[in-house]
Amino acid sequence: MNEGSEKEIRILIADSNESDVSKVVTLLRDAQMSIAVETAQSEEGLANTLRAFKPDVVLSEYALPLLDYRTTLKVVQSIRPGTPVIIISGPLREEDTGSCVRAGAESFISKLNMVMLPAAIIGAVAAREPLLKLTSRQIQVMRLVASGYRTHEVARELKLSAKTVESHRHQLMRKLGLERTACLIRYAIRVGFAPVLTPSPVLNRTASANGGS
């Protein structure tokens, strides 16, 4: 874990159990990770801490008295889209663990297998580092392309020319080291940037239909 420990990782833990929080912090520091940690126990507290602390990753209990994982995902996606959320919980049914990922979580870590957490955090943060190379406009283009918009639809949405959109897409794919639109779509979904908008009926496309645009 030494490679991942060179840079401090800001971690927001959504959990009301101080003992569990302490165990997570100890585990990560024992793995030689450099971390800064804040906690939240409610939706309001989560929102405020996201804005003030600007975490690199959020660790969320599956269910808290004032906050469940779906609310956590909704708040994170609205305030800091792209920030990975890792769900931590005791034993759950397989369909419940799967629902976490389908809802937008980066991954699910069982409290019976917490040794996997350091690698999950480092992997989630590393996957998003290339986003720092992109301009805000390039991120907008990526999000729309990954949501199924064709080039002329992206141009209309962002009030740009089709040529400019193509230029942005070419540049962002080069920065991300991606060669095909399908790879861009998978990456955008992986880092939490798709879908971002609900296209109007005339624009409604599936991401797979966008492969050649």
C-alpha atoms as a PDB file:
ATOM      1  CA  MET A   1       0.000   0.000   0.000  1.00  0.00           C
ATOM      2  CA  ASN A   2       3.036   2.294   0.061  1.00  0.00           C
ATOM      3  CA  GLU A   3       2.340   3.703  -3.414  1.00  0.00           C
ATOM      4  CA  GLY A   4      -1.178   4.767  -2.413  1.00  0.00           C
ATOM      5  CA  SER A   5       0.021   6.203   0.908  1.00  0.00           C
ATOM      6  CA  GLU A   6       2.184   8.939  -0.657  1.00  0.00           C
ATOM      7  CA  LYS A   7      -0.784  11.274  -1.067  1.00  0.00           C
ATOM      8  CA  GLU A   8      -3.236  12.066   1.711  1.00  0.00           C
ATOM      9  CA  ILE A   9      -6.711  10.756   0.981  1.00  0.00           C
ATOM     10  CA  ARG A  10      -9.668  12.659   2.426  1.00  0.00           C
ATOM     11  CA  ILE A  11     -12.262  10.201   3.676  1.00  0.00           C
ATOM     12  CA  LEU A  12     -15.788  11.022   4.814  1.00  0.00           C
ATOM     13  CA  ILE A  13     -17.325   8.244   6.898  1.00  0.00           C
ATOM     14  CA  ALA A  14     -21.117   8.186   7.178  1.00  0.00           C
ATOM     15  CA  ASP A  15     -21.539   6.189  10.379  1.00  0.00           C
ATOM     16  CA  SER A  16     -22.976   6.848  13.824  1.00  0.00           C
ATOM     17  CA  ASN A  17     -20.971   4.106  15.572  1.00  0.00           C
ATOM     18  CA  GLU A  18     -17.773   5.643  16.966  1.00  0.00           C
ATOM     19  CA  SER A  19     -16.253   2.218  17.560  1.00  0.00           C
ATOM     20  CA  ASP A  20     -16.750   1.192  13.932  1.00  0.00           C
ATOM     21  CA  VAL A  21     -15.287   4.498  12.725  1.00  0.00           C
ATOM     22  CA  SER A  22     -12.256   3.986  14.955  1.00  0.00           C
ATOM     23  CA  LYS A  23     -11.757   0.468  13.576  1.00  0.00           C
ATOM     24  CA  VAL A  24     -11.853   1.752   9.995  1.00  0.00           C
ATOM     25  CA  VAL A  25      -9.347   4.519  10.758  1.00  0.00           C
ATOM     26  CA  THR A  26      -7.017   2.068  12.508  1.00  0.00           C
ATOM     27  CA  LEU A  27      -7.266  -0.410   9.649  1.00  0.00           C
ATOM     28  CA  LEU A  28      -6.372   2.198   7.046  1.00  0.00           C
ATOM     29  CA  ARG A  29      -3.479   3.634   9.036  1.00  0.00           C
ATOM     30  CA  ASP A  30      -2.153   0.138   9.714  1.00  0.00           C
ATOM     31  CA  ALA A  31      -2.160  -0.273   5.909  1.00  0.00           C
ATOM     32  CA  GLN A  32       0.223   2.724   5.771  1.00  0.00           C
ATOM     33  CA  MET A  33      -2.383   5.003   4.216  1.00  0.00           C
ATOM     34  CA  SER A  34      -2.121   8.750   4.795  1.00  0.00           C
ATOM     35  CA  ILE A  35      -5.681   9.845   5.544  1.00  0.00           C
ATOM     36  CA  ALA A  36      -7.746  12.750   6.835  1.00  0.00           C
ATOM     37  CA  VAL A  37     -11.133  11.730   8.200  1.00  0.00           C
ATOM     38  CA  GLU A  38     -14.454  13.459   8.888  1.00  0.00           C
ATOM     39  CA  THR A  39     -17.740  11.832   9.864  1.00  0.00           C
ATOM     40  CA  ALA A  40     -21.447  12.447   9.259  1.00  0.00           C
ATOM     41  CA  GLN A  41     -24.550  10.857  10.737  1.00  0.00           C
ATOM     42  CA  SER A  42     -27.431  12.612   8.986  1.00  0.00           C
ATOM     43  CA  GLU A  43     -28.364  13.858   5.530  1.00  0.00           C
ATOM     44  CA  GLU A  44     -27.777  17.477   6.545  1.00  0.00           C
ATOM     45  CA  GLY A  45     -24.451  16.638   8.158  1.00  0.00           C
ATOM     46  CA  LEU A  46     -23.397  14.694   5.077  1.00  0.00           C
ATOM     47  CA  ALA A  47     -24.240  17.580   2.747  1.00  0.00           C
ATOM     48  CA  ASN A  48     -22.423  20.143   4.890  1.00  0.00           C
ATOM     49  CA  THR A  49     -19.321  17.990   5.248  1.00  0.00           C
ATOM     50  CA  LEU A  50     -19.199  17.218   1.531  1.00  0.00           C
ATOM     51  CA  ARG A  51     -19.086  20.945   0.789  1.00  0.00           C
ATOM     52  CA  ALA A  52     -16.599  21.886   3.502  1.00  0.00           C
ATOM     53  CA  PHE A  53     -14.306  18.849   3.559  1.00  0.00           C
ATOM     54  CA  LYS A  54     -14.383  17.903  -0.157  1.00  0.00           C
ATOM     55  CA  PRO A  55     -13.603  14.218   0.404  1.00  0.00           C
ATOM     56  CA  ASP A  56     -11.839  11.988  -2.109  1.00  0.00           C
ATOM     57  CA  VAL A  57     -14.033   9.055  -1.096  1.00  0.00           C
ATOM     58  CA  VAL A  58     -17.111   8.432   1.045  1.00  0.00           C
ATOM     59  CA  LEU A  59     -17.538   5.324   3.189  1.00  0.00           C
ATOM     60  CA  SER A  60     -21.168   4.742   4.084  1.00  0.00           C
ATOM     61  CA  GLU A  61     -22.923   2.332   6.393  1.00  0.00           C
ATOM     62  CA  TYR A  62     -25.707   0.444   4.622  1.00  0.00           C
ATOM     63  CA  ALA A  63     -28.309   1.915   6.981  1.00  0.00           C
ATOM     64  CA  LEU A  64     -28.161   4.456   9.783  1.00  0.00           C
ATOM     65  CA  PRO A  65     -30.996   5.794  11.949  1.00  0.00           C
ATOM     66  CA  LEU A  66     -30.972   9.090  10.007  1.00  0.00           C
ATOM     67  CA  LEU A  67     -29.250   8.070   6.776  1.00  0.00           C
ATOM     68  CA  ASP A  68     -29.329   5.077   4.449  1.00  0.00           C
ATOM     69  CA  TYR A  69     -27.009   4.280   1.566  1.00  0.00           C
ATOM     70  CA  ARG A  70     -29.442   5.415  -1.126  1.00  0.00           C
ATOM     71  CA  THR A  71     -29.742   8.844   0.459  1.00  0.00           C
ATOM     72  CA  THR A  72     -25.964   8.980   0.810  1.00  0.00           C
ATOM     73  CA  LEU A  73     -25.559   8.226  -2.895  1.00  0.00           C
ATOM     74  CA  LYS A  74     -28.169  10.826  -3.857  1.00  0.00           C
ATOM     75  CA  VAL A  75     -26.536  13.556  -1.773  1.00  0.00           C
ATOM     76  CA  VAL A  76     -23.001  12.739  -2.947  1.00  0.00           C
ATOM     77  CA  GLN A  77     -24.064  12.655  -6.596  1.00  0.00           C
ATOM     78  CA  SER A  78     -25.795  16.025  -6.281  1.00  0.00           C
ATOM     79  CA  ILE A  79     -22.977  17.824  -4.438  1.00  0.00           C
ATOM     80  CA  ARG A  80     -19.772  16.051  -5.500  1.00  0.00           C
ATOM     81  CA  PRO A  81     -20.583  13.938  -8.562  1.00  0.00           C
ATOM     82  CA  GLY A  82     -17.818  11.499  -9.369  1.00  0.00           C
ATOM     83  CA  THR A  83     -16.778  11.047  -5.726  1.00  0.00           C
ATOM     84  CA  PRO A  84     -16.773   7.285  -5.053  1.00  0.00           C
ATOM     85  CA  VAL A  85     -19.054   5.876  -2.378  1.00  0.00           C
ATOM     86  CA  ILE A  86     -18.090   2.555  -0.819  1.00  0.00           C
ATOM     87  CA  ILE A  87     -20.812   0.817   1.179  1.00  0.00           C
ATOM     88  CA  ILE A  88     -19.778  -0.990   4.356  1.00  0.00           C
ATOM     89  CA  SER A  89     -22.106  -3.331   6.194  1.00  0.00           C
ATOM     90  CA  GLY A  90     -22.516  -6.519   8.110  1.00  0.00           C
ATOM     91  CA  PRO A  91     -23.704  -9.632   6.241  1.00  0.00           C
ATOM     92  CA  LEU A  92     -26.390  -8.904   3.633  1.00  0.00           C
ATOM     93  CA  ARG A  93     -28.235 -10.980   1.081  1.00  0.00           C
ATOM     94  CA  GLU A  94     -26.490 -11.173  -2.280  1.00  0.00           C
ATOM     95  CA  GLU A  95     -29.291  -9.236  -3.956  1.00  0.00           C
ATOM     96  CA  ASP A  96     -28.877  -6.432  -1.409  1.00  0.00           C
ATOM     97  CA  THR A  97     -25.133  -6.115  -2.001  1.00  0.00           C
ATOM     98  CA  GLY A  98     -25.790  -6.044  -5.733  1.00  0.00           C
ATOM     99  CA  SER A  99     -28.388  -3.319  -5.330  1.00  0.00           C
ATOM    100  CA  CYS A 100     -25.751  -1.060  -3.759  1.00  0.00           C
ATOM    101  CA  VAL A 101     -23.578  -1.179  -6.871  1.00  0.00           C
ATOM    102  CA  ARG A 102     -26.551  -0.846  -9.222  1.00  0.00           C
ATOM    103  CA  ALA A 103     -27.622   2.262  -7.292  1.00  0.00           C
ATOM    104  CA  GLY A 104     -24.254   3.874  -8.006  1.00  0.00           C
ATOM    105  CA  ALA A 105     -21.928   2.717  -5.241  1.00  0.00           C
ATOM    106  CA  GLU A 106     -18.302   2.092  -6.147  1.00  0.00           C
ATOM    107  CA  SER A 107     -18.292  -1.219  -4.304  1.00  0.00           C
ATOM    108  CA  PHE A 108     -19.571  -3.102  -1.265  1.00  0.00           C
ATOM    109  CA  ILE A 109     -17.275  -4.204   1.547  1.00  0.00           C
ATOM    110  CA  SER A 110     -18.468  -6.646   4.175  1.00  0.00           C
ATOM    111  CA  LYS A 111     -17.461  -6.024   7.769  1.00  0.00           C
ATOM    112  CA  LEU A 112     -16.412  -9.682   7.746  1.00  0.00           C
ATOM    113  CA  ASN A 113     -13.820  -8.898   5.077  1.00  0.00           C
ATOM    114  CA  MET A 114     -12.579  -5.408   5.948  1.00  0.00           C
ATOM    115  CA  VAL A 115      -9.045  -6.267   4.848  1.00  0.00           C
ATOM    116  CA  MET A 116     -10.268  -5.450   1.326  1.00  0.00           C
ATOM    117  CA  LEU A 117     -11.079  -1.830   2.218  1.00  0.00           C
ATOM    118  CA  PRO A 118      -7.651  -0.171   1.751  1.00  0.00           C
ATOM    119  CA  ALA A 119      -7.260  -1.572  -1.769  1.00  0.00           C
ATOM    120  CA  ALA A 120     -10.856  -0.617  -2.615  1.00  0.00           C
ATOM    121  CA  ILE A 121     -10.248   2.989  -1.544  1.00  0.00           C
ATOM    122  CA  ILE A 122      -6.945   3.329  -3.387  1.00  0.00           C
ATOM    123  CA  GLY A 123      -8.425   1.779  -6.521  1.00  0.00           C
ATOM    124  CA  ALA A 124     -11.457   4.062  -6.443  1.00  0.00           C
ATOM    125  CA  VAL A 125      -9.352   7.203  -6.043  1.00  0.00           C
ATOM    126  CA  ALA A 126      -6.843   6.131  -8.710  1.00  0.00           C
ATOM    127  CA  ALA A 127      -9.622   5.495 -11.236  1.00  0.00           C
ATOM    128  CA  ARG A 128     -10.725   9.118 -10.904  1.00  0.00           C
ATOM    129  CA  GLU A 129      -7.325  10.809 -11.033  1.00  0.00           C
ATOM    130  CA  PRO A 130      -7.465  11.203 -14.849  1.00  0.00           C
ATOM    131  CA  LEU A 131     -10.517  13.436 -14.379  1.00  0.00           C
ATOM    132  CA  LEU A 132      -8.180  16.099 -12.995  1.00  0.00           C
ATOM    133  CA  LYS A 133      -6.726  16.454 -16.505  1.00  0.00           C
ATOM    134  CA  LEU A 134     -10.092  17.388 -17.990  1.00  0.00           C
ATOM    135  CA  THR A 135     -11.592  20.850 -18.306  1.00  0.00           C
ATOM    136  CA  SER A 136     -15.100  21.474 -17.006  1.00  0.00           C
ATOM    137  CA  ARG A 137     -16.353  21.613 -20.596  1.00  0.00           C
ATOM    138  CA  GLN A 138     -14.756  18.271 -21.419  1.00  0.00           C
ATOM    139  CA  ILE A 139     -16.451  16.730 -18.389  1.00  0.00           C
ATOM    140  CA  GLN A 140     -19.794  18.109 -19.589  1.00  0.00           C
ATOM    141  CA  VAL A 141     -19.244  16.511 -22.996  1.00  0.00           C
ATOM    142  CA  MET A 142     -18.227  13.209 -21.418  1.00  0.00           C
ATOM    143  CA  ARG A 143     -21.318  13.116 -19.212  1.00  0.00           C
ATOM    144  CA  LEU A 144     -23.671  13.784 -22.111  1.00  0.00           C
ATOM    145  CA  VAL A 145     -21.979  11.309 -24.456  1.00  0.00           C
ATOM    146  CA  ALA A 146     -22.152   8.655 -21.741  1.00  0.00           C
ATOM    147  CA  SER A 147     -25.838   9.446 -21.232  1.00  0.00           C
ATOM    148  CA  GLY A 148     -26.569   8.557 -24.854  1.00  0.00           C
ATOM    149  CA  TYR A 149     -26.414  11.918 -26.612  1.00  0.00           C
ATOM    150  CA  ARG A 150     -25.107  12.008 -30.175  1.00  0.00           C
ATOM    151  CA  THR A 151     -22.681  14.702 -31.304  1.00  0.00           C
ATOM    152  CA  HIS A 152     -25.335  17.077 -32.654  1.00  0.00           C
ATOM    153  CA  GLU A 153     -27.430  16.571 -29.512  1.00  0.00           C
ATOM    154  CA  VAL A 154     -24.460  17.420 -27.276  1.00  0.00           C
ATOM    155  CA  ALA A 155     -23.836  20.490 -29.429  1.00  0.00           C
ATOM    156  CA  ARG A 156     -27.441  21.610 -29.057  1.00  0.00           C
ATOM    157  CA  GLU A 157     -27.468  20.989 -25.301  1.00  0.00           C
ATOM    158  CA  LEU A 158     -24.234  22.916 -24.698  1.00  0.00           C
ATOM    159  CA  LYS A 159     -24.843  25.521 -27.419  1.00  0.00           C
ATOM    160  CA  LEU A 160     -21.646  24.596 -29.255  1.00  0.00           C
ATOM    161  CA  SER A 161     -20.878  23.640 -32.823  1.00  0.00           C
ATOM    162  CA  ALA A 162     -20.656  19.960 -33.692  1.00  0.00           C
ATOM    163  CA  LYS A 163     -17.021  20.514 -34.692  1.00  0.00           C
ATOM    164  CA  THR A 164     -16.231  21.942 -31.251  1.00  0.00           C
ATOM    165  CA  VAL A 165     -17.929  18.989 -29.531  1.00  0.00           C
ATOM    166  CA  GLU A 166     -15.896  16.551 -31.618  1.00  0.00           C
ATOM    167  CA  SER A 167     -12.733  18.435 -30.693  1.00  0.00           C
ATOM    168  CA  HIS A 168     -13.590  18.255 -26.979  1.00  0.00           C
ATOM    169  CA  ARG A 169     -14.359  14.562 -27.211  1.00  0.00           C
ATOM    170  CA  HIS A 170     -11.146  13.807 -29.073  1.00  0.00           C
ATOM    171  CA  GLN A 171      -9.096  15.726 -26.509  1.00  0.00           C
ATOM    172  CA  LEU A 172     -10.760  14.188 -23.468  1.00  0.00           C
ATOM    173  CA  MET A 173     -10.404  10.664 -24.827  1.00  0.00           C
ATOM    174  CA  ARG A 174      -6.730  11.310 -25.507  1.00  0.00           C
ATOM    175  CA  LYS A 175      -6.228  12.597 -21.945  1.00  0.00           C
ATOM    176  CA  LEU A 176      -7.989   9.526 -20.553  1.00  0.00           C
ATOM    177  CA  GLY A 177      -6.075   7.144 -22.797  1.00  0.00           C
ATOM    178  CA  LEU A 178      -9.255   5.812 -24.406  1.00  0.00           C
ATOM    179  CA  GLU A 179      -9.628   4.884 -28.070  1.00  0.00           C
ATOM    180  CA  ARG A 180     -13.334   4.112 -28.503  1.00  0.00           C
ATOM    181  CA  THR A 181     -16.575   5.767 -27.463  1.00  0.00           C
ATOM    182  CA  ALA A 182     -17.695   2.535 -25.806  1.00  0.00           C
ATOM    183  CA  CYS A 183     -14.636   2.728 -23.532  1.00  0.00           C
ATOM    184  CA  LEU A 184     -15.487   6.343 -22.707  1.00  0.00           C
ATOM    185  CA  ILE A 185     -19.021   5.325 -21.749  1.00  0.00           C
ATOM    186  CA  ARG A 186     -17.766   2.533 -19.498  1.00  0.00           C
ATOM    187  CA  TYR A 187     -15.275   4.863 -17.840  1.00  0.00           C
ATOM    188  CA  ALA A 188     -17.883   7.593 -17.261  1.00  0.00           C
ATOM    189  CA  ILE A 189     -20.224   5.086 -15.653  1.00  0.00           C
ATOM    190  CA  ARG A 190     -17.351   3.672 -13.598  1.00  0.00           C
ATOM    191  CA  VAL A 191     -16.564   7.068 -12.096  1.00  0.00           C
ATOM    192  CA  GLY A 192     -20.182   8.062 -11.523  1.00  0.00           C
ATOM    193  CA  PHE A 193     -20.770  10.503 -14.378  1.00  0.00           C
ATOM    194  CA  ALA A 194     -23.532   8.711 -16.285  1.00  0.00           C
ATOM    195  CA  PRO A 195     -26.334   9.108 -16.725  1.00  0.00           C
ATOM    196  CA  VAL A 196     -26.430  12.738 -15.696  1.00  0.00           C
ATOM    197  CA  LEU A 197     -29.520  14.106 -17.435  1.00  0.00           C
ATOM    198  CA  THR A 198     -32.785  12.687 -18.681  1.00  0.00           C
ATOM    199  CA  PRO A 199     -32.841  13.419 -22.411  1.00  0.00           C
ATOM    200  CA  SER A 200     -36.039  14.778 -23.897  1.00  0.00           C
ATOM    201  CA  PRO A 201     -38.080  12.149 -25.787  1.00  0.00           C
ATOM    202  CA  VAL A 202     -36.551  13.061 -29.127  1.00  0.00           C
ATOM    203  CA  LEU A 203     -33.064  12.652 -27.644  1.00  0.00           C
ATOM    204  CA  ASN A 204     -33.722   9.511 -25.663  1.00  0.00           C
ATOM    205  CA  ARG A 205     -31.045   7.023 -26.559  1.00  0.00           C
ATOM    206  CA  THR A 206     -29.336   4.176 -24.857  1.00  0.00           C
ATOM    207  CA  ALA A 207     -25.605   4.542 -24.336  1.00  0.00           C
ATOM    208  CA  SER A 208     -24.944   1.597 -26.617  1.00  0.00           C
ATOM    209  CA  ALA A 209     -26.585   3.378 -29.544  1.00  0.00           C
ATOM    210  CA  ASN A 210     -23.943   6.093 -29.298  1.00  0.00           C
ATOM    211  CA  GLY A 211     -20.985   3.989 -30.290  1.00  0.00           C
ATOM    212  CA  GLY A 212     -20.426   5.451 -33.734  1.00  0.00           C
ATOM    213  CA  SER A 213     -21.254   9.112 -33.116  1.00  0.00           C
END
